[in-house]
Amino acid sequence: MSLCSGNSSIFYNKTLGVVAEYEREYYGEAGKSTYRILKSIDPIIYSCYFTLFEYYVALSLYGRTASDLNKLSYNFVHNLGSIYDLTEEGIYRGVNY
């Protein structure tokens, strides 16, 4: 998503520059800047569309994982070491509070 918002902010900043060029009546530079802006719209649309597609894929994977007991048990067993370490740290901090 950062790519989408980064491209959008660059687009916004460039449009402010074009508006200033038209206000100062620098039509030659404003025309070139307008062309560059129109040329940069495609990557912005593509990156934002692709970001939404990635979120859809990620959420569908999370949904399938949450509904599959085998995957949930595997993830739980796979993370038992971290769970043990965090529980031990929590108890240690709780006792020495």
PDB file of N, CA and C in Angstrom:
ATOM      1  N   MET A   1       0.810  -1.194   0.000  1.00  0.00           N
ATOM      2  CA  MET A   1       0.000   0.000   0.000  1.00  0.00           C
ATOM      3  C   MET A   1       0.851   1.254   0.000  1.00  0.00           C
ATOM      4  N   SER A   2       2.078   1.135   0.540  1.00  0.00           N
ATOM      5  CA  SER A   2       2.920   2.325   0.571  1.00  0.00           C
ATOM      6  C   SER A   2       3.287   2.782  -0.833  1.00  0.00           C
ATOM      7  N   LEU A   3       3.423   1.832  -1.753  1.00  0.00           N
ATOM      8  CA  LEU A   3       3.743   2.206  -3.129  1.00  0.00           C
ATOM      9  C   LEU A   3       2.600   3.011  -3.727  1.00  0.00           C
ATOM     10  N   CYS A   4       1.386   2.586  -3.461  1.00  0.00           N
ATOM     11  CA  CYS A   4       0.212   3.296  -3.977  1.00  0.00           C
ATOM     12  C   CYS A   4       0.131   4.702  -3.396  1.00  0.00           C
ATOM     13  N   SER A   5       0.258   4.836  -2.084  1.00  0.00           N
ATOM     14  CA  SER A   5       0.153   6.162  -1.478  1.00  0.00           C
ATOM     15  C   SER A   5       1.355   7.024  -1.833  1.00  0.00           C
ATOM     16  N   GLY A   6       2.537   6.419  -1.982  1.00  0.00           N
ATOM     17  CA  GLY A   6       3.712   7.193  -2.385  1.00  0.00           C
ATOM     18  C   GLY A   6       3.552   7.759  -3.781  1.00  0.00           C
ATOM     19  N   ASN A   7       3.077   6.938  -4.713  1.00  0.00           N
ATOM     20  CA  ASN A   7       2.852   7.423  -6.074  1.00  0.00           C
ATOM     21  C   ASN A   7       1.763   8.484  -6.107  1.00  0.00           C
ATOM     22  N   SER A   8       0.744   8.307  -5.303  1.00  0.00           N
ATOM     23  CA  SER A   8      -0.347   9.286  -5.281  1.00  0.00           C
ATOM     24  C   SER A   8       0.127  10.629  -4.743  1.00  0.00           C
ATOM     25  N   SER A   9       0.978  10.614  -3.724  1.00  0.00           N
ATOM     26  CA  SER A   9       1.471  11.885  -3.184  1.00  0.00           C
ATOM     27  C   SER A   9       2.399  12.575  -4.178  1.00  0.00           C
ATOM     28  N   ILE A  10       3.216  11.801  -4.903  1.00  0.00           N
ATOM     29  CA  ILE A  10       4.062  12.389  -5.941  1.00  0.00           C
ATOM     30  C   ILE A  10       3.191  13.018  -7.024  1.00  0.00           C
ATOM     31  N   PHE A  11       2.136  12.322  -7.413  1.00  0.00           N
ATOM     32  CA  PHE A  11       1.204  12.847  -8.421  1.00  0.00           C
ATOM     33  C   PHE A  11       0.585  14.155  -7.945  1.00  0.00           C
ATOM     34  N   TYR A  12       0.157  14.187  -6.691  1.00  0.00           N
ATOM     35  CA  TYR A  12      -0.462  15.399  -6.134  1.00  0.00           C
ATOM     36  C   TYR A  12       0.524  16.560  -6.135  1.00  0.00           C
ATOM     37  N   ASN A  13       1.755  16.308  -5.716  1.00  0.00           N
ATOM     38  CA  ASN A  13       2.753  17.376  -5.682  1.00  0.00           C
ATOM     39  C   ASN A  13       3.068  17.898  -7.085  1.00  0.00           C
ATOM     40  N   LYS A  14       3.118  16.998  -8.071  1.00  0.00           N
ATOM     41  CA  LYS A  14       3.382  17.435  -9.442  1.00  0.00           C
ATOM     42  C   LYS A  14       2.238  18.283  -9.986  1.00  0.00           C
ATOM     43  N   THR A  15       1.004  17.938  -9.628  1.00  0.00           N
ATOM     44  CA  THR A  15      -0.126  18.730 -10.116  1.00  0.00           C
ATOM     45  C   THR A  15      -0.117  20.130  -9.524  1.00  0.00           C
ATOM     46  N   LEU A  16       0.340  20.262  -8.284  1.00  0.00           N
ATOM     47  CA  LEU A  16       0.439  21.603  -7.707  1.00  0.00           C
ATOM     48  C   LEU A  16       1.441  22.446  -8.483  1.00  0.00           C
ATOM     49  N   GLY A  17       2.539  21.827  -8.929  1.00  0.00           N
ATOM     50  CA  GLY A  17       3.526  22.541  -9.726  1.00  0.00           C
ATOM     51  C   GLY A  17       2.967  22.986 -11.062  1.00  0.00           C
ATOM     52  N   VAL A  18       2.150  22.157 -11.686  1.00  0.00           N
ATOM     53  CA  VAL A  18       1.555  22.508 -12.980  1.00  0.00           C
ATOM     54  C   VAL A  18       0.577  23.663 -12.816  1.00  0.00           C
ATOM     55  N   VAL A  19      -0.193  23.629 -11.758  1.00  0.00           N
ATOM     56  CA  VAL A  19      -1.134  24.729 -11.514  1.00  0.00           C
ATOM     57  C   VAL A  19      -0.370  26.045 -11.380  1.00  0.00           C
ATOM     58  N   ALA A  20       0.737  26.013 -10.666  1.00  0.00           N
ATOM     59  CA  ALA A  20       1.542  27.232 -10.499  1.00  0.00           C
ATOM     60  C   ALA A  20       2.115  27.696 -11.839  1.00  0.00           C
ATOM     61  N   GLU A  21       2.523  26.752 -12.691  1.00  0.00           N
ATOM     62  CA  GLU A  21       3.058  27.125 -14.003  1.00  0.00           C
ATOM     63  C   GLU A  21       1.977  27.766 -14.881  1.00  0.00           C
ATOM     64  N   TYR A  22       0.766  27.226 -14.827  1.00  0.00           N
ATOM     65  CA  TYR A  22      -0.319  27.848 -15.599  1.00  0.00           C
ATOM     66  C   TYR A  22      -0.663  29.233 -15.057  1.00  0.00           C
ATOM     67  N   GLU A  23      -0.626  29.394 -13.730  1.00  0.00           N
ATOM     68  CA  GLU A  23      -0.932  30.695 -13.148  1.00  0.00           C
ATOM     69  C   GLU A  23       0.112  31.740 -13.529  1.00  0.00           C
ATOM     70  N   ARG A  24       1.378  31.324 -13.642  1.00  0.00           N
ATOM     71  CA  ARG A  24       2.449  32.254 -14.041  1.00  0.00           C
ATOM     72  C   ARG A  24       2.545  32.411 -15.558  1.00  0.00           C
ATOM     73  N   GLU A  25       1.673  31.677 -16.256  1.00  0.00           N
ATOM     74  CA  GLU A  25       1.590  31.704 -17.718  1.00  0.00           C
ATOM     75  C   GLU A  25       2.852  31.176 -18.403  1.00  0.00           C
ATOM     76  N   TYR A  26       3.451  30.145 -17.821  1.00  0.00           N
ATOM     77  CA  TYR A  26       4.569  29.424 -18.452  1.00  0.00           C
ATOM     78  C   TYR A  26       3.968  28.236 -19.193  1.00  0.00           C
ATOM     79  N   TYR A  27       3.345  28.501 -20.313  1.00  0.00           N
ATOM     80  CA  TYR A  27       2.564  27.474 -20.988  1.00  0.00           C
ATOM     81  C   TYR A  27       3.418  26.352 -21.571  1.00  0.00           C
ATOM     82  N   GLY A  28       4.610  26.677 -22.017  1.00  0.00           N
ATOM     83  CA  GLY A  28       5.481  25.631 -22.558  1.00  0.00           C
ATOM     84  C   GLY A  28       5.866  24.620 -21.491  1.00  0.00           C
ATOM     85  N   GLU A  29       6.305  25.111 -20.350  1.00  0.00           N
ATOM     86  CA  GLU A  29       6.679  24.223 -19.242  1.00  0.00           C
ATOM     87  C   GLU A  29       5.453  23.506 -18.690  1.00  0.00           C
ATOM     88  N   ALA A  30       4.330  24.208 -18.620  1.00  0.00           N
ATOM     89  CA  ALA A  30       3.103  23.598 -18.100  1.00  0.00           C
ATOM     90  C   ALA A  30       2.636  22.464 -19.012  1.00  0.00           C
ATOM     91  N   GLY A  31       2.801  22.649 -20.325  1.00  0.00           N
ATOM     92  CA  GLY A  31       2.425  21.585 -21.259  1.00  0.00           C
ATOM     93  C   GLY A  31       3.286  20.343 -21.078  1.00  0.00           C
ATOM     94  N   LYS A  32       4.595  20.550 -20.917  1.00  0.00           N
ATOM     95  CA  LYS A  32       5.492  19.414 -20.677  1.00  0.00           C
ATOM     96  C   LYS A  32       5.158  18.727 -19.357  1.00  0.00           C
ATOM     97  N   SER A  33       4.893  19.515 -18.324  1.00  0.00           N
ATOM     98  CA  SER A  33       4.556  18.947 -17.021  1.00  0.00           C
ATOM     99  C   SER A  33       3.238  18.190 -17.068  1.00  0.00           C
ATOM    100  N   THR A  34       2.272  18.723 -17.802  1.00  0.00           N
ATOM    101  CA  THR A  34       0.988  18.032 -17.948  1.00  0.00           C
ATOM    102  C   THR A  34       1.185  16.696 -18.644  1.00  0.00           C
ATOM    103  N   TYR A  35       2.028  16.672 -19.676  1.00  0.00           N
ATOM    104  CA  TYR A  35       2.318  15.415 -20.370  1.00  0.00           C
ATOM    105  C   TYR A  35       2.953  14.401 -19.422  1.00  0.00           C
ATOM    106  N   ARG A  36       3.905  14.857 -18.597  1.00  0.00           N
ATOM    107  CA  ARG A  36       4.553  13.945 -17.640  1.00  0.00           C
ATOM    108  C   ARG A  36       3.555  13.408 -16.618  1.00  0.00           C
ATOM    109  N   ILE A  37       2.621  14.250 -16.201  1.00  0.00           N
ATOM    110  CA  ILE A  37       1.603  13.805 -15.233  1.00  0.00           C
ATOM    111  C   ILE A  37       0.706  12.745 -15.868  1.00  0.00           C
ATOM    112  N   LEU A  38       0.245  13.010 -17.076  1.00  0.00           N
ATOM    113  CA  LEU A  38      -0.619  12.033 -17.746  1.00  0.00           C
ATOM    114  C   LEU A  38       0.122  10.726 -17.995  1.00  0.00           C
ATOM    115  N   LYS A  39       1.412  10.816 -18.255  1.00  0.00           N
ATOM    116  CA  LYS A  39       2.220   9.615 -18.466  1.00  0.00           C
ATOM    117  C   LYS A  39       2.410   8.834 -17.162  1.00  0.00           C
ATOM    118  N   SER A  40       2.374   9.502 -16.010  1.00  0.00           N
ATOM    119  CA  SER A  40       2.597   8.834 -14.729  1.00  0.00           C
ATOM    120  C   SER A  40       1.328   8.264 -14.115  1.00  0.00           C
ATOM    121  N   ILE A  41       0.169   8.484 -14.731  1.00  0.00           N
ATOM    122  CA  ILE A  41      -1.084   7.984 -14.153  1.00  0.00           C
ATOM    123  C   ILE A  41      -1.148   6.454 -14.199  1.00  0.00           C
ATOM    124  N   ASP A  42      -0.654   5.842 -15.264  1.00  0.00           N
ATOM    125  CA  ASP A  42      -0.739   4.387 -15.398  1.00  0.00           C
ATOM    126  C   ASP A  42      -0.051   3.646 -14.257  1.00  0.00           C
ATOM    127  N   PRO A  43       1.177   3.989 -13.859  1.00  0.00           N
ATOM    128  CA  PRO A  43       1.770   3.272 -12.725  1.00  0.00           C
ATOM    129  C   PRO A  43       1.001   3.452 -11.431  1.00  0.00           C
ATOM    130  N   ILE A  44       0.390   4.622 -11.259  1.00  0.00           N
ATOM    131  CA  ILE A  44      -0.383   4.851 -10.035  1.00  0.00           C
ATOM    132  C   ILE A  44      -1.602   3.942 -10.008  1.00  0.00           C
ATOM    133  N   ILE A  45      -2.338   3.898 -11.108  1.00  0.00           N
ATOM    134  CA  ILE A  45      -3.530   3.050 -11.169  1.00  0.00           C
ATOM    135  C   ILE A  45      -3.140   1.591 -11.011  1.00  0.00           C
ATOM    136  N   TYR A  46      -2.064   1.169 -11.673  1.00  0.00           N
ATOM    137  CA  TYR A  46      -1.639  -0.225 -11.593  1.00  0.00           C
ATOM    138  C   TYR A  46      -1.214  -0.586 -10.172  1.00  0.00           C
ATOM    139  N   SER A  47      -0.430   0.273  -9.521  1.00  0.00           N
ATOM    140  CA  SER A  47       0.048  -0.068  -8.185  1.00  0.00           C
ATOM    141  C   SER A  47      -1.096  -0.098  -7.181  1.00  0.00           C
ATOM    142  N   CYS A  48      -2.054   0.808  -7.291  1.00  0.00           N
ATOM    143  CA  CYS A  48      -3.189   0.806  -6.370  1.00  0.00           C
ATOM    144  C   CYS A  48      -4.087  -0.405  -6.608  1.00  0.00           C
ATOM    145  N   TYR A  49      -4.315  -0.761  -7.864  1.00  0.00           N
ATOM    146  CA  TYR A  49      -5.103  -1.944  -8.168  1.00  0.00           C
ATOM    147  C   TYR A  49      -4.393  -3.194  -7.654  1.00  0.00           C
ATOM    148  N   PHE A  50      -3.092  -3.281  -7.872  1.00  0.00           N
ATOM    149  CA  PHE A  50      -2.344  -4.449  -7.436  1.00  0.00           C
ATOM    150  C   PHE A  50      -2.321  -4.541  -5.915  1.00  0.00           C
ATOM    151  N   THR A  51      -2.287  -3.401  -5.220  1.00  0.00           N
ATOM    152  CA  THR A  51      -2.331  -3.402  -3.762  1.00  0.00           C
ATOM    153  C   THR A  51      -3.651  -3.982  -3.271  1.00  0.00           C
ATOM    154  N   LEU A  52      -4.755  -3.574  -3.881  1.00  0.00           N
ATOM    155  CA  LEU A  52      -6.052  -4.138  -3.491  1.00  0.00           C
ATOM    156  C   LEU A  52      -6.105  -5.636  -3.760  1.00  0.00           C
ATOM    157  N   PHE A  53      -5.540  -6.075  -4.867  1.00  0.00           N
ATOM    158  CA  PHE A  53      -5.495  -7.500  -5.181  1.00  0.00           C
ATOM    159  C   PHE A  53      -4.672  -8.258  -4.149  1.00  0.00           C
ATOM    160  N   GLU A  54      -3.534  -7.696  -3.716  1.00  0.00           N
ATOM    161  CA  GLU A  54      -2.710  -8.347  -2.700  1.00  0.00           C
ATOM    162  C   GLU A  54      -3.457  -8.462  -1.374  1.00  0.00           C
ATOM    163  N   TYR A  55      -4.192  -7.419  -0.989  1.00  0.00           N
ATOM    164  CA  TYR A  55      -4.986  -7.498   0.238  1.00  0.00           C
ATOM    165  C   TYR A  55      -6.053  -8.584   0.132  1.00  0.00           C
ATOM    166  N   TYR A  56      -6.688  -8.690  -1.003  1.00  0.00           N
ATOM    167  CA  TYR A  56      -7.696  -9.726  -1.200  1.00  0.00           C
ATOM    168  C   TYR A  56      -7.075 -11.111  -1.051  1.00  0.00           C
ATOM    169  N   VAL A  57      -5.915 -11.331  -1.669  1.00  0.00           N
ATOM    170  CA  VAL A  57      -5.254 -12.638  -1.580  1.00  0.00           C
ATOM    171  C   VAL A  57      -4.850 -12.929  -0.132  1.00  0.00           C
ATOM    172  N   ALA A  58      -4.289 -11.937   0.561  1.00  0.00           N
ATOM    173  CA  ALA A  58      -3.863 -12.137   1.943  1.00  0.00           C
ATOM    174  C   ALA A  58      -5.047 -12.458   2.848  1.00  0.00           C
ATOM    175  N   LEU A  59      -6.136 -11.720   2.706  1.00  0.00           N
ATOM    176  CA  LEU A  59      -7.310 -11.969   3.546  1.00  0.00           C
ATOM    177  C   LEU A  59      -7.938 -13.322   3.257  1.00  0.00           C
ATOM    178  N   SER A  60      -7.944 -13.739   2.003  1.00  0.00           N
ATOM    179  CA  SER A  60      -8.492 -15.063   1.696  1.00  0.00           C
ATOM    180  C   SER A  60      -7.602 -16.167   2.264  1.00  0.00           C
ATOM    181  N   LEU A  61      -6.286 -15.974   2.250  1.00  0.00           N
ATOM    182  CA  LEU A  61      -5.393 -16.962   2.865  1.00  0.00           C
ATOM    183  C   LEU A  61      -5.601 -17.033   4.372  1.00  0.00           C
ATOM    184  N   TYR A  62      -5.745 -15.868   5.021  1.00  0.00           N
ATOM    185  CA  TYR A  62      -6.026 -15.864   6.457  1.00  0.00           C
ATOM    186  C   TYR A  62      -7.341 -16.558   6.759  1.00  0.00           C
ATOM    187  N   GLY A  63      -8.353 -16.320   5.945  1.00  0.00           N
ATOM    188  CA  GLY A  63      -9.648 -16.967   6.150  1.00  0.00           C
ATOM    189  C   GLY A  63      -9.566 -18.476   6.010  1.00  0.00           C
ATOM    190  N   ARG A  64      -8.849 -18.936   4.979  1.00  0.00           N
ATOM    191  CA  ARG A  64      -8.696 -20.386   4.808  1.00  0.00           C
ATOM    192  C   ARG A  64      -7.878 -20.996   5.928  1.00  0.00           C
ATOM    193  N   THR A  65      -6.878 -20.289   6.415  1.00  0.00           N
ATOM    194  CA  THR A  65      -6.065 -20.803   7.520  1.00  0.00           C
ATOM    195  C   THR A  65      -6.887 -20.866   8.800  1.00  0.00           C
ATOM    196  N   ALA A  66      -7.692 -19.859   9.058  1.00  0.00           N
ATOM    197  CA  ALA A  66      -8.498 -19.839  10.280  1.00  0.00           C
ATOM    198  C   ALA A  66      -9.564 -20.923  10.276  1.00  0.00           C
ATOM    199  N   SER A  67      -9.990 -21.364   9.117  1.00  0.00           N
ATOM    200  CA  SER A  67     -11.038 -22.388   9.067  1.00  0.00           C
ATOM    201  C   SER A  67     -10.475 -23.809   8.961  1.00  0.00           C
ATOM    202  N   ASP A  68      -9.166 -23.967   8.832  1.00  0.00           N
ATOM    203  CA  ASP A  68      -8.554 -25.292   8.704  1.00  0.00           C
ATOM    204  C   ASP A  68      -7.875 -25.657  10.024  1.00  0.00           C
ATOM    205  N   LEU A  69      -8.378 -26.698  10.690  1.00  0.00           N
ATOM    206  CA  LEU A  69      -7.850 -27.108  11.983  1.00  0.00           C
ATOM    207  C   LEU A  69      -6.412 -27.615  11.877  1.00  0.00           C
ATOM    208  N   ASN A  70      -6.064 -28.291  10.788  1.00  0.00           N
ATOM    209  CA  ASN A  70      -4.693 -28.785  10.626  1.00  0.00           C
ATOM    210  C   ASN A  70      -3.691 -27.631  10.553  1.00  0.00           C
ATOM    211  N   LYS A  71      -4.017 -26.592   9.800  1.00  0.00           N
ATOM    212  CA  LYS A  71      -3.114 -25.440   9.698  1.00  0.00           C
ATOM    213  C   LYS A  71      -2.998 -24.707  11.026  1.00  0.00           C
ATOM    214  N   LEU A  72      -4.122 -24.575  11.739  1.00  0.00           N
ATOM    215  CA  LEU A  72      -4.082 -23.905  13.036  1.00  0.00           C
ATOM    216  C   LEU A  72      -3.233 -24.674  14.037  1.00  0.00           C
ATOM    217  N   SER A  73      -3.398 -25.996  14.068  1.00  0.00           N
ATOM    218  CA  SER A  73      -2.591 -26.788  15.000  1.00  0.00           C
ATOM    219  C   SER A  73      -1.117 -26.759  14.612  1.00  0.00           C
ATOM    220  N   TYR A  74      -0.809 -26.799  13.327  1.00  0.00           N
ATOM    221  CA  TYR A  74       0.580 -26.717  12.887  1.00  0.00           C
ATOM    222  C   TYR A  74       1.198 -25.385  13.303  1.00  0.00           C
ATOM    223  N   ASN A  75       0.473 -24.284  13.071  1.00  0.00           N
ATOM    224  CA  ASN A  75       0.986 -22.972  13.456  1.00  0.00           C
ATOM    225  C   ASN A  75       1.183 -22.867  14.965  1.00  0.00           C
ATOM    226  N   PHE A  76       0.275 -23.440  15.738  1.00  0.00           N
ATOM    227  CA  PHE A  76       0.404 -23.404  17.189  1.00  0.00           C
ATOM    228  C   PHE A  76       1.642 -24.172  17.630  1.00  0.00           C
ATOM    229  N   VAL A  77       1.810 -25.387  17.115  1.00  0.00           N
ATOM    230  CA  VAL A  77       2.970 -26.211  17.492  1.00  0.00           C
ATOM    231  C   VAL A  77       4.266 -25.557  16.994  1.00  0.00           C
ATOM    232  N   HIS A  78       4.227 -24.995  15.809  1.00  0.00           N
ATOM    233  CA  HIS A  78       5.411 -24.354  15.239  1.00  0.00           C
ATOM    234  C   HIS A  78       5.854 -23.159  16.086  1.00  0.00           C
ATOM    235  N   ASN A  79       4.915 -22.489  16.731  1.00  0.00           N
ATOM    236  CA  ASN A  79       5.225 -21.303  17.530  1.00  0.00           C
ATOM    237  C   ASN A  79       5.274 -21.578  19.028  1.00  0.00           C
ATOM    238  N   LEU A  80       5.329 -22.840  19.441  1.00  0.00           N
ATOM    239  CA  LEU A  80       5.351 -23.160  20.867  1.00  0.00           C
ATOM    240  C   LEU A  80       6.576 -22.580  21.561  1.00  0.00           C
ATOM    241  N   GLY A  81       7.710 -22.552  20.890  1.00  0.00           N
ATOM    242  CA  GLY A  81       8.919 -21.987  21.495  1.00  0.00           C
ATOM    243  C   GLY A  81       8.736 -20.515  21.826  1.00  0.00           C
ATOM    244  N   SER A  82       8.178 -19.755  20.903  1.00  0.00           N
ATOM    245  CA  SER A  82       7.928 -18.334  21.153  1.00  0.00           C
ATOM    246  C   SER A  82       6.882 -18.147  22.245  1.00  0.00           C
ATOM    247  N   ILE A  83       5.846 -18.983  22.226  1.00  0.00           N
ATOM    248  CA  ILE A  83       4.807 -18.896  23.253  1.00  0.00           C
ATOM    249  C   ILE A  83       5.403 -19.171  24.631  1.00  0.00           C
ATOM    250  N   TYR A  84       6.268 -20.173  24.721  1.00  0.00           N
ATOM    251  CA  TYR A  84       6.918 -20.498  25.997  1.00  0.00           C
ATOM    252  C   TYR A  84       7.795 -19.342  26.465  1.00  0.00           C
ATOM    253  N   ASP A  85       8.603 -18.797  25.551  1.00  0.00           N
ATOM    254  CA  ASP A  85       9.497 -17.699  25.914  1.00  0.00           C
ATOM    255  C   ASP A  85       8.724 -16.469  26.376  1.00  0.00           C
ATOM    256  N   LEU A  86       7.659 -16.131  25.676  1.00  0.00           N
ATOM    257  CA  LEU A  86       6.868 -14.960  26.053  1.00  0.00           C
ATOM    258  C   LEU A  86       6.133 -15.183  27.380  1.00  0.00           C
ATOM    259  N   THR A  87       5.648 -16.412  27.614  1.00  0.00           N
ATOM    260  CA  THR A  87       4.985 -16.716  28.877  1.00  0.00           C
ATOM    261  C   THR A  87       5.972 -16.622  30.026  1.00  0.00           C
ATOM    262  N   GLU A  88       7.180 -17.183  29.827  1.00  0.00           N
ATOM    263  CA  GLU A  88       8.207 -17.122  30.862  1.00  0.00           C
ATOM    264  C   GLU A  88       8.601 -15.668  31.148  1.00  0.00           C
ATOM    265  N   GLU A  89       8.760 -14.868  30.109  1.00  0.00           N
ATOM    266  CA  GLU A  89       9.104 -13.454  30.274  1.00  0.00           C
ATOM    267  C   GLU A  89       7.996 -12.707  31.005  1.00  0.00           C
ATOM    268  N   GLY A  90       6.734 -13.010  30.669  1.00  0.00           N
ATOM    269  CA  GLY A  90       5.618 -12.371  31.347  1.00  0.00           C
ATOM    270  C   GLY A  90       5.561 -12.718  32.823  1.00  0.00           C
ATOM    271  N   ILE A  91       5.798 -13.982  33.137  1.00  0.00           N
ATOM    272  CA  ILE A  91       5.801 -14.390  34.547  1.00  0.00           C
ATOM    273  C   ILE A  91       6.960 -13.718  35.280  1.00  0.00           C
ATOM    274  N   TYR A  92       8.143 -13.708  34.672  1.00  0.00           N
ATOM    275  CA  TYR A  92       9.307 -13.087  35.292  1.00  0.00           C
ATOM    276  C   TYR A  92       9.065 -11.605  35.559  1.00  0.00           C
ATOM    277  N   ARG A  93       8.496 -10.895  34.589  1.00  0.00           N
ATOM    278  CA  ARG A  93       8.224  -9.464  34.778  1.00  0.00           C
ATOM    279  C   ARG A  93       7.116  -9.234  35.806  1.00  0.00           C
ATOM    280  N   GLY A  94       6.130 -10.154  35.831  1.00  0.00           N
ATOM    281  CA  GLY A  94       5.042 -10.028  36.792  1.00  0.00           C
ATOM    282  C   GLY A  94       5.515 -10.239  38.228  1.00  0.00           C
ATOM    283  N   VAL A  95       6.422 -11.195  38.418  1.00  0.00           N
ATOM    284  CA  VAL A  95       6.928 -11.483  39.763  1.00  0.00           C
ATOM    285  C   VAL A  95       7.847 -10.358  40.233  1.00  0.00           C
ATOM    286  N   ASN A  96       8.660  -9.829  39.354  1.00  0.00           N
ATOM    287  CA  ASN A  96       9.625  -8.793  39.724  1.00  0.00           C
ATOM    288  C   ASN A  96       9.096  -7.380  39.527  1.00  0.00           C
ATOM    289  N   TYR A  97       7.803  -7.229  39.524  1.00  0.00           N
ATOM    290  CA  TYR A  97       7.211  -5.913  39.352  1.00  0.00           C
ATOM    291  C   TYR A  97       7.387  -5.167  40.640  1.00  0.00           C
TER     292      TYR A  97
END
